[in-house]
Amino acid sequence: MIQATSRYWEKVRSFALSLPETHEQICHGTPACYTGKKFFTRIQENGETLVVYNDDRDAWIESDPDLFFYTDHYKNYPILLIHLPGVSMKSLKELLVISWKLRTSKKLLKLHQDL
């Protein structure tokens, strides 16, 4: 398990687990939050980069390329990477909700349209 997780992951975790029917488990050796059987966010091994699903990542990257980016590994996937030390809680929450919505079931999404 990664050492730097607690400081940044706890912020992510506390909000992510407040989303409907979300649970935590390990994904690729690091903590992650899932909706059903699908992960929607996880922290990377460095403890400072968060992985989220996002279908508008280019706009986020354009808005602040120091905070938002992706690597070649994620080039063909709707994944956005977030540099946690610099991101605002408002943006972090927005991105977690977006990611949750992209990964949750249609039934659950319909029940929670207010998110």
N, C-alpha and C. Protein backbone atom coordinates (compact mmCIF):
# COMPACT_ATOMS: atom_id res chain seq x y z
N MET A 1 0.86 -1.18 0.00
CA MET A 1 0.00 0.00 0.00
C MET A 1 0.89 1.24 0.00
N ILE A 2 0.43 2.28 -0.59
CA ILE A 2 1.23 3.49 -0.70
C ILE A 2 1.21 4.30 0.59
N GLN A 3 2.31 4.95 0.88
CA GLN A 3 2.47 5.67 2.14
C GLN A 3 1.73 6.99 2.16
N ALA A 4 1.75 7.75 1.08
CA ALA A 4 1.18 9.10 1.08
C ALA A 4 -0.34 9.12 0.91
N THR A 5 -0.94 7.95 0.91
CA THR A 5 -2.36 7.86 0.63
C THR A 5 -3.21 8.64 1.62
N SER A 6 -2.93 8.53 2.87
CA SER A 6 -3.85 9.02 3.89
C SER A 6 -4.25 10.48 3.72
N ARG A 7 -3.31 11.38 3.50
CA ARG A 7 -3.64 12.80 3.43
C ARG A 7 -4.57 13.12 2.25
N TYR A 8 -4.22 12.70 1.08
CA TYR A 8 -5.04 13.03 -0.10
C TYR A 8 -6.20 12.07 -0.27
N TRP A 9 -5.97 10.79 -0.06
CA TRP A 9 -7.02 9.81 -0.26
C TRP A 9 -8.17 10.04 0.70
N GLU A 10 -7.92 10.45 1.91
CA GLU A 10 -9.00 10.66 2.88
C GLU A 10 -9.98 11.73 2.40
N LYS A 11 -9.49 12.78 1.76
CA LYS A 11 -10.38 13.81 1.20
C LYS A 11 -11.26 13.22 0.10
N VAL A 12 -10.63 12.48 -0.79
CA VAL A 12 -11.36 11.84 -1.89
C VAL A 12 -12.36 10.84 -1.34
N ARG A 13 -11.87 9.98 -0.49
CA ARG A 13 -12.65 8.88 0.07
C ARG A 13 -13.89 9.37 0.79
N SER A 14 -13.74 10.39 1.62
CA SER A 14 -14.88 10.86 2.42
C SER A 14 -16.02 11.35 1.54
N PHE A 15 -15.69 12.03 0.45
CA PHE A 15 -16.75 12.49 -0.45
C PHE A 15 -17.25 11.35 -1.34
N ALA A 16 -16.34 10.60 -1.91
CA ALA A 16 -16.73 9.53 -2.84
C ALA A 16 -17.65 8.51 -2.16
N LEU A 17 -17.36 8.17 -0.92
CA LEU A 17 -18.19 7.18 -0.23
C LEU A 17 -19.56 7.74 0.17
N SER A 18 -19.74 9.04 0.05
CA SER A 18 -21.06 9.64 0.32
C SER A 18 -21.99 9.50 -0.89
N LEU A 19 -21.44 9.13 -2.03
CA LEU A 19 -22.26 8.92 -3.23
C LEU A 19 -23.02 7.60 -3.09
N PRO A 20 -24.21 7.52 -3.66
CA PRO A 20 -25.06 6.33 -3.49
C PRO A 20 -24.39 5.02 -3.87
N GLU A 21 -24.57 4.05 -3.00
CA GLU A 21 -24.12 2.67 -3.22
C GLU A 21 -22.67 2.59 -3.70
N THR A 22 -21.83 3.31 -3.01
CA THR A 22 -20.40 3.33 -3.30
C THR A 22 -19.66 2.57 -2.21
N HIS A 23 -18.65 1.84 -2.59
CA HIS A 23 -17.82 1.13 -1.62
C HIS A 23 -16.35 1.23 -2.01
N GLU A 24 -15.50 0.94 -1.05
CA GLU A 24 -14.06 1.02 -1.26
C GLU A 24 -13.46 -0.37 -1.35
N GLN A 25 -12.52 -0.54 -2.24
CA GLN A 25 -11.72 -1.76 -2.32
C GLN A 25 -10.44 -1.44 -3.07
N ILE A 26 -9.58 -2.40 -3.19
CA ILE A 26 -8.28 -2.20 -3.84
C ILE A 26 -8.41 -2.43 -5.35
N CYS A 27 -7.75 -1.57 -6.10
CA CYS A 27 -7.69 -1.68 -7.57
C CYS A 27 -6.25 -1.43 -7.99
N HIS A 28 -5.64 -2.36 -8.66
CA HIS A 28 -4.24 -2.25 -9.07
C HIS A 28 -3.33 -1.92 -7.89
N GLY A 29 -3.64 -2.47 -6.73
CA GLY A 29 -2.80 -2.30 -5.55
C GLY A 29 -2.99 -1.01 -4.78
N THR A 30 -3.96 -0.20 -5.18
CA THR A 30 -4.20 1.07 -4.47
C THR A 30 -5.68 1.19 -4.11
N PRO A 31 -6.01 2.03 -3.14
CA PRO A 31 -7.41 2.21 -2.77
C PRO A 31 -8.22 2.82 -3.92
N ALA A 32 -9.46 2.36 -4.02
CA ALA A 32 -10.35 2.83 -5.08
C ALA A 32 -11.78 2.84 -4.56
N CYS A 33 -12.62 3.63 -5.21
CA CYS A 33 -14.05 3.62 -4.91
C CYS A 33 -14.79 3.07 -6.11
N TYR A 34 -15.78 2.25 -5.80
CA TYR A 34 -16.56 1.54 -6.81
C TYR A 34 -18.04 1.87 -6.68
N THR A 35 -18.72 1.83 -7.81
CA THR A 35 -20.16 1.82 -7.83
C THR A 35 -20.54 0.50 -8.49
N GLY A 36 -21.18 -0.34 -7.74
CA GLY A 36 -21.40 -1.70 -8.22
C GLY A 36 -20.06 -2.40 -8.35
N LYS A 37 -19.82 -3.01 -9.51
CA LYS A 37 -18.55 -3.71 -9.74
C LYS A 37 -17.54 -2.86 -10.50
N LYS A 38 -17.88 -1.60 -10.78
CA LYS A 38 -17.02 -0.74 -11.58
C LYS A 38 -16.34 0.32 -10.72
N PHE A 39 -15.02 0.43 -10.86
CA PHE A 39 -14.35 1.50 -10.14
C PHE A 39 -14.60 2.81 -10.87
N PHE A 40 -14.72 3.88 -10.10
CA PHE A 40 -14.87 5.18 -10.73
C PHE A 40 -13.77 6.15 -10.32
N THR A 41 -13.00 5.79 -9.32
CA THR A 41 -11.84 6.58 -8.95
C THR A 41 -10.86 5.73 -8.17
N ARG A 42 -9.60 6.03 -8.35
CA ARG A 42 -8.57 5.38 -7.55
C ARG A 42 -7.36 6.30 -7.48
N ILE A 43 -6.60 6.13 -6.42
CA ILE A 43 -5.38 6.92 -6.29
C ILE A 43 -4.23 6.12 -6.89
N GLN A 44 -3.33 6.81 -7.55
CA GLN A 44 -2.19 6.10 -8.13
C GLN A 44 -1.12 5.86 -7.06
N GLU A 45 -0.15 5.08 -7.43
CA GLU A 45 0.90 4.65 -6.52
C GLU A 45 1.68 5.80 -5.90
N ASN A 46 1.77 6.94 -6.57
CA ASN A 46 2.54 8.07 -6.03
C ASN A 46 1.81 8.78 -4.89
N GLY A 47 0.54 8.45 -4.68
CA GLY A 47 -0.23 9.02 -3.58
C GLY A 47 -0.73 10.43 -3.81
N GLU A 48 -0.43 11.01 -4.98
CA GLU A 48 -0.83 12.39 -5.26
C GLU A 48 -1.62 12.54 -6.56
N THR A 49 -1.83 11.46 -7.28
CA THR A 49 -2.54 11.52 -8.55
C THR A 49 -3.79 10.66 -8.46
N LEU A 50 -4.91 11.26 -8.82
CA LEU A 50 -6.18 10.56 -8.79
C LEU A 50 -6.62 10.23 -10.21
N VAL A 51 -7.16 9.05 -10.39
CA VAL A 51 -7.69 8.59 -11.67
C VAL A 51 -9.21 8.69 -11.60
N VAL A 52 -9.83 9.37 -12.56
CA VAL A 52 -11.29 9.44 -12.63
C VAL A 52 -11.73 9.25 -14.08
N TYR A 53 -12.94 8.76 -14.25
CA TYR A 53 -13.54 8.68 -15.58
C TYR A 53 -14.06 10.06 -15.94
N ASN A 54 -13.86 10.47 -17.19
CA ASN A 54 -14.33 11.78 -17.62
C ASN A 54 -14.40 11.78 -19.15
N ASP A 55 -15.56 12.12 -19.68
CA ASP A 55 -15.71 12.13 -21.13
C ASP A 55 -15.46 13.50 -21.74
N ASP A 56 -14.98 14.44 -20.91
CA ASP A 56 -14.67 15.79 -21.39
C ASP A 56 -13.29 16.21 -20.90
N ARG A 57 -12.36 15.26 -20.91
CA ARG A 57 -11.06 15.52 -20.29
C ARG A 57 -10.28 16.63 -20.98
N ASP A 58 -10.42 16.78 -22.30
CA ASP A 58 -9.67 17.82 -22.99
C ASP A 58 -10.02 19.22 -22.47
N ALA A 59 -11.28 19.44 -22.17
CA ALA A 59 -11.69 20.75 -21.64
C ALA A 59 -11.09 20.98 -20.26
N TRP A 60 -11.07 19.93 -19.42
CA TRP A 60 -10.46 20.06 -18.09
C TRP A 60 -8.97 20.33 -18.21
N ILE A 61 -8.31 19.61 -19.09
CA ILE A 61 -6.87 19.81 -19.27
C ILE A 61 -6.59 21.21 -19.78
N GLU A 62 -7.38 21.66 -20.73
CA GLU A 62 -7.20 23.00 -21.26
C GLU A 62 -7.41 24.06 -20.19
N SER A 63 -8.33 23.81 -19.27
CA SER A 63 -8.61 24.79 -18.21
C SER A 63 -7.46 24.93 -17.22
N ASP A 64 -6.70 23.85 -17.00
CA ASP A 64 -5.56 23.90 -16.08
C ASP A 64 -4.65 22.68 -16.28
N PRO A 65 -3.73 22.78 -17.22
CA PRO A 65 -2.87 21.64 -17.53
C PRO A 65 -1.89 21.25 -16.41
N ASP A 66 -1.72 22.10 -15.42
CA ASP A 66 -0.88 21.74 -14.28
C ASP A 66 -1.61 20.80 -13.33
N LEU A 67 -2.94 20.87 -13.33
CA LEU A 67 -3.73 20.03 -12.43
C LEU A 67 -4.31 18.80 -13.13
N PHE A 68 -4.67 18.94 -14.37
CA PHE A 68 -5.39 17.89 -15.10
C PHE A 68 -4.56 17.42 -16.29
N PHE A 69 -4.48 16.11 -16.46
CA PHE A 69 -3.65 15.55 -17.52
C PHE A 69 -4.02 14.08 -17.74
N TYR A 70 -3.35 13.45 -18.67
CA TYR A 70 -3.42 12.00 -18.84
C TYR A 70 -2.07 11.53 -19.38
N THR A 71 -1.81 10.26 -19.24
CA THR A 71 -0.57 9.68 -19.75
C THR A 71 -0.90 8.83 -20.97
N ASP A 72 0.13 8.42 -21.68
CA ASP A 72 -0.08 7.57 -22.86
C ASP A 72 -0.86 6.31 -22.52
N HIS A 73 -0.67 5.80 -21.32
CA HIS A 73 -1.39 4.59 -20.89
C HIS A 73 -2.91 4.77 -21.01
N TYR A 74 -3.40 5.98 -20.75
CA TYR A 74 -4.84 6.27 -20.76
C TYR A 74 -5.30 6.98 -22.04
N LYS A 75 -4.44 7.08 -23.02
CA LYS A 75 -4.74 7.84 -24.24
C LYS A 75 -6.06 7.44 -24.88
N ASN A 76 -6.37 6.16 -24.95
CA ASN A 76 -7.58 5.70 -25.63
C ASN A 76 -8.74 5.41 -24.69
N TYR A 77 -8.68 5.94 -23.49
CA TYR A 77 -9.73 5.72 -22.48
C TYR A 77 -10.24 7.06 -21.98
N PRO A 78 -11.50 7.11 -21.55
CA PRO A 78 -12.04 8.37 -21.02
C PRO A 78 -11.59 8.60 -19.57
N ILE A 79 -10.29 8.70 -19.39
CA ILE A 79 -9.69 8.85 -18.07
C ILE A 79 -9.00 10.20 -17.96
N LEU A 80 -9.21 10.84 -16.83
CA LEU A 80 -8.56 12.10 -16.50
C LEU A 80 -7.74 11.87 -15.24
N LEU A 81 -6.53 12.38 -15.22
CA LEU A 81 -5.68 12.31 -14.04
C LEU A 81 -5.68 13.68 -13.38
N ILE A 82 -5.71 13.67 -12.05
CA ILE A 82 -5.80 14.91 -11.27
C ILE A 82 -4.62 14.97 -10.31
N HIS A 83 -3.90 16.07 -10.33
CA HIS A 83 -2.82 16.31 -9.37
C HIS A 83 -3.46 16.85 -8.09
N LEU A 84 -3.65 15.98 -7.12
CA LEU A 84 -4.43 16.29 -5.92
C LEU A 84 -3.91 17.46 -5.08
N PRO A 85 -2.60 17.66 -4.93
CA PRO A 85 -2.18 18.76 -4.08
C PRO A 85 -2.68 20.14 -4.50
N GLY A 86 -3.01 20.32 -5.77
CA GLY A 86 -3.42 21.64 -6.24
C GLY A 86 -4.89 21.81 -6.54
N VAL A 87 -5.66 20.74 -6.54
CA VAL A 87 -7.06 20.83 -6.97
C VAL A 87 -7.94 21.36 -5.83
N SER A 88 -8.93 22.17 -6.19
CA SER A 88 -9.88 22.67 -5.19
C SER A 88 -10.88 21.58 -4.83
N MET A 89 -11.42 21.67 -3.65
CA MET A 89 -12.41 20.68 -3.21
C MET A 89 -13.65 20.76 -4.11
N LYS A 90 -14.01 21.94 -4.57
CA LYS A 90 -15.16 22.10 -5.45
C LYS A 90 -14.96 21.32 -6.76
N SER A 91 -13.81 21.49 -7.39
CA SER A 91 -13.52 20.77 -8.63
C SER A 91 -13.41 19.28 -8.39
N LEU A 92 -12.79 18.90 -7.28
CA LEU A 92 -12.65 17.48 -6.96
C LEU A 92 -14.02 16.82 -6.82
N LYS A 93 -14.91 17.46 -6.09
CA LYS A 93 -16.26 16.90 -5.91
C LYS A 93 -16.99 16.80 -7.24
N GLU A 94 -16.89 17.84 -8.06
CA GLU A 94 -17.54 17.83 -9.37
C GLU A 94 -17.02 16.67 -10.23
N LEU A 95 -15.72 16.47 -10.23
CA LEU A 95 -15.13 15.41 -11.03
C LEU A 95 -15.48 14.02 -10.50
N LEU A 96 -15.60 13.88 -9.20
CA LEU A 96 -15.99 12.59 -8.63
C LEU A 96 -17.44 12.27 -8.99
N VAL A 97 -18.30 13.25 -8.96
CA VAL A 97 -19.71 13.03 -9.34
C VAL A 97 -19.80 12.65 -10.82
N ILE A 98 -19.07 13.36 -11.66
CA ILE A 98 -19.06 13.04 -13.09
C ILE A 98 -18.60 11.60 -13.30
N SER A 99 -17.52 11.23 -12.65
CA SER A 99 -16.99 9.88 -12.79
C SER A 99 -17.99 8.83 -12.30
N TRP A 100 -18.60 9.10 -11.15
CA TRP A 100 -19.61 8.18 -10.61
C TRP A 100 -20.76 8.00 -11.60
N LYS A 101 -21.23 9.11 -12.17
CA LYS A 101 -22.35 9.05 -13.12
C LYS A 101 -21.98 8.24 -14.37
N LEU A 102 -20.76 8.34 -14.83
CA LEU A 102 -20.33 7.60 -16.02
C LEU A 102 -20.23 6.11 -15.76
N ARG A 103 -20.03 5.72 -14.51
CA ARG A 103 -19.78 4.32 -14.21
C ARG A 103 -20.92 3.59 -13.51
N THR A 104 -21.87 4.32 -12.95
CA THR A 104 -22.93 3.66 -12.20
C THR A 104 -23.99 3.08 -13.14
N SER A 105 -24.86 2.28 -12.58
CA SER A 105 -25.92 1.66 -13.39
C SER A 105 -26.96 2.71 -13.81
N LYS A 106 -27.64 2.43 -14.90
CA LYS A 106 -28.70 3.33 -15.37
C LYS A 106 -29.80 3.46 -14.33
N LYS A 107 -30.11 2.36 -13.68
CA LYS A 107 -31.14 2.36 -12.64
C LYS A 107 -30.76 3.28 -11.48
N LEU A 108 -29.54 3.16 -11.01
CA LEU A 108 -29.09 4.00 -9.91
C LEU A 108 -28.99 5.46 -10.33
N LEU A 109 -28.54 5.69 -11.53
CA LEU A 109 -28.45 7.05 -12.05
C LEU A 109 -29.83 7.70 -12.12
N LYS A 110 -30.82 6.94 -12.55
CA LYS A 110 -32.19 7.45 -12.63
C LYS A 110 -32.72 7.79 -11.23
N LEU A 111 -32.37 7.00 -10.25
CA LEU A 111 -32.82 7.24 -8.87
C LEU A 111 -32.17 8.48 -8.25
N HIS A 112 -31.01 8.86 -8.78
CA HIS A 112 -30.25 9.96 -8.19
C HIS A 112 -29.92 11.03 -9.23
N GLN A 113 -30.93 11.45 -9.95
CA GLN A 113 -30.74 12.48 -10.98
C GLN A 113 -30.34 13.83 -10.41
N ASP A 114 -30.57 14.01 -9.10
CA ASP A 114 -30.30 15.28 -8.46
C ASP A 114 -28.81 15.52 -8.20
N LEU A 115 -27.98 14.52 -8.40
CA LEU A 115 -26.54 14.71 -8.17
C LEU A 115 -25.90 15.53 -9.25
